């Protein structure tokens, strides 16, 4: 059961900006991962998305089992790719704490 690859506009632009060698490695990784995405996927902390590794780059994806689609959300160097997701997780944690304080007092 092979999944179909789909790309967000942001991911397309990010891939186009990379050097040819990096582009080829990322495409190769994605082609390998669509056969059984769960074998290669790791959860992105604080998010509903998953990630694949391609050398020093990370590919953030949304795996849609009901439609058999792997949607590529973002492609970036490992040093920068998680910043947005970390900020979102921090914001959600702070919001939960505020709600709990209001409920307690």
Protein backbone atom coordinates (compact mmCIF):
# COMPACT_ATOMS: atom_id res chain seq x y z
CA UNK A 1 0.00 0.00 0.00
CA UNK A 2 1.85 3.05 -1.30
CA UNK A 3 0.95 6.56 -0.22
CA UNK A 4 0.78 9.54 -2.56
CA UNK A 5 3.13 12.48 -2.05
CA UNK A 6 1.71 15.99 -1.96
CA UNK A 7 3.62 19.21 -1.23
CA UNK A 8 2.59 22.45 0.41
CA UNK A 9 3.59 25.58 -1.49
CA UNK A 10 6.01 26.42 1.32
CA UNK A 11 7.72 23.02 1.01
CA UNK A 12 8.04 23.35 -2.77
CA UNK A 13 9.77 26.72 -2.40
CA UNK A 14 12.07 25.43 0.34
CA UNK A 15 13.16 22.45 -1.75
CA UNK A 16 13.80 24.62 -4.83
CA UNK A 17 16.13 26.88 -2.83
CA UNK A 18 18.40 23.99 -1.80
CA UNK A 19 21.50 22.77 -3.60
CA UNK A 20 20.89 20.02 -6.14
CA UNK A 21 22.54 17.32 -3.98
CA UNK A 22 20.27 18.14 -1.03
CA UNK A 23 17.20 18.20 -3.29
CA UNK A 24 18.03 14.75 -4.63
CA UNK A 25 18.56 13.33 -1.14
CA UNK A 26 15.25 14.75 0.12
CA UNK A 27 13.31 13.46 -2.91
CA UNK A 28 14.96 10.05 -2.53
CA UNK A 29 14.02 9.94 1.17
CA UNK A 30 10.41 10.86 0.40
CA UNK A 31 10.12 8.26 -2.35
CA UNK A 32 11.40 5.60 0.05
CA UNK A 33 9.11 6.74 2.87
CA UNK A 34 5.83 6.67 0.91
CA UNK A 35 5.96 2.87 0.78
CA UNK A 36 5.54 2.62 4.56
CA UNK A 37 5.69 6.10 6.14
CA UNK A 38 5.14 4.90 9.70
CA UNK A 39 8.38 2.92 9.58
CA UNK A 40 10.41 6.12 9.14
CA UNK A 41 8.21 8.71 10.86
CA UNK A 42 9.00 10.28 14.20
CA UNK A 43 6.62 12.60 16.03
CA UNK A 44 7.40 16.33 16.06
CA UNK A 45 7.09 17.29 19.72
CA UNK A 46 4.26 19.70 20.43
CA UNK A 47 2.64 19.07 17.05
CA UNK A 48 0.36 16.68 15.20
CA UNK A 49 2.99 16.33 12.47
CA UNK A 50 5.76 13.81 11.90
CA UNK A 51 9.26 14.11 10.51
CA UNK A 52 11.63 12.22 8.26
CA UNK A 53 15.41 12.65 8.31
CA UNK A 54 17.38 13.38 5.15
CA UNK A 55 20.97 14.03 6.17
CA UNK A 56 21.10 17.37 7.97
CA UNK A 57 17.61 18.25 6.76
CA UNK A 58 14.26 17.42 8.29
CA UNK A 59 11.05 16.90 6.37
CA UNK A 60 7.91 17.74 8.35
CA UNK A 61 4.90 15.80 7.07
CA UNK A 62 1.25 15.16 7.79
CA UNK A 63 0.47 11.47 7.25
CA UNK A 64 -3.18 11.06 6.25
CA UNK A 65 -3.98 7.35 6.54
CA UNK A 66 -7.61 7.71 5.46
CA UNK A 67 -6.57 9.20 2.09
CA UNK A 68 -3.18 7.45 1.78
CA UNK A 69 -1.40 10.80 1.43
CA UNK A 70 1.89 12.05 2.83
CA UNK A 71 1.63 15.85 2.77
CA UNK A 72 5.03 17.56 2.96
CA UNK A 73 4.55 20.62 5.17
CA UNK A 74 8.07 21.96 5.54
CA UNK A 75 11.68 21.16 4.63
CA UNK A 76 14.52 22.87 6.51
CA UNK A 77 17.90 22.38 8.10
CA UNK A 78 17.74 20.57 11.43
CA UNK A 79 19.05 23.65 13.26
CA UNK A 80 16.00 25.75 12.34
CA UNK A 81 13.10 23.48 11.43
CA UNK A 82 11.66 22.99 14.92
CA UNK A 83 11.61 26.61 16.16
CA UNK A 84 8.00 27.27 15.17
CA UNK A 85 6.78 23.98 16.66
CA UNK A 86 8.67 24.57 19.91
CA UNK A 87 7.14 28.04 20.24
CA UNK A 88 3.66 26.63 19.63
CA UNK A 89 4.16 23.90 22.25
CA UNK A 90 5.42 26.48 24.76
CA UNK A 91 2.40 28.72 24.09
CA UNK A 92 -0.03 25.81 24.55
CA UNK A 93 1.66 24.78 27.82
CA UNK A 94 1.45 28.34 29.16
CA UNK A 95 -2.22 28.55 28.16
CA UNK A 96 -2.99 25.31 30.00
CA UNK A 97 -1.23 26.63 33.11
CA UNK A 98 -3.27 29.87 33.02
CA UNK A 99 -6.50 27.90 32.69
CA UNK A 100 -5.56 25.64 35.60
CA UNK A 101 -4.69 28.64 37.82
CA UNK A 102 -8.05 30.25 37.06
CA UNK A 103 -9.87 27.01 37.80
CA UNK A 104 -8.01 26.54 41.09
CA UNK A 105 -8.31 30.02 42.44
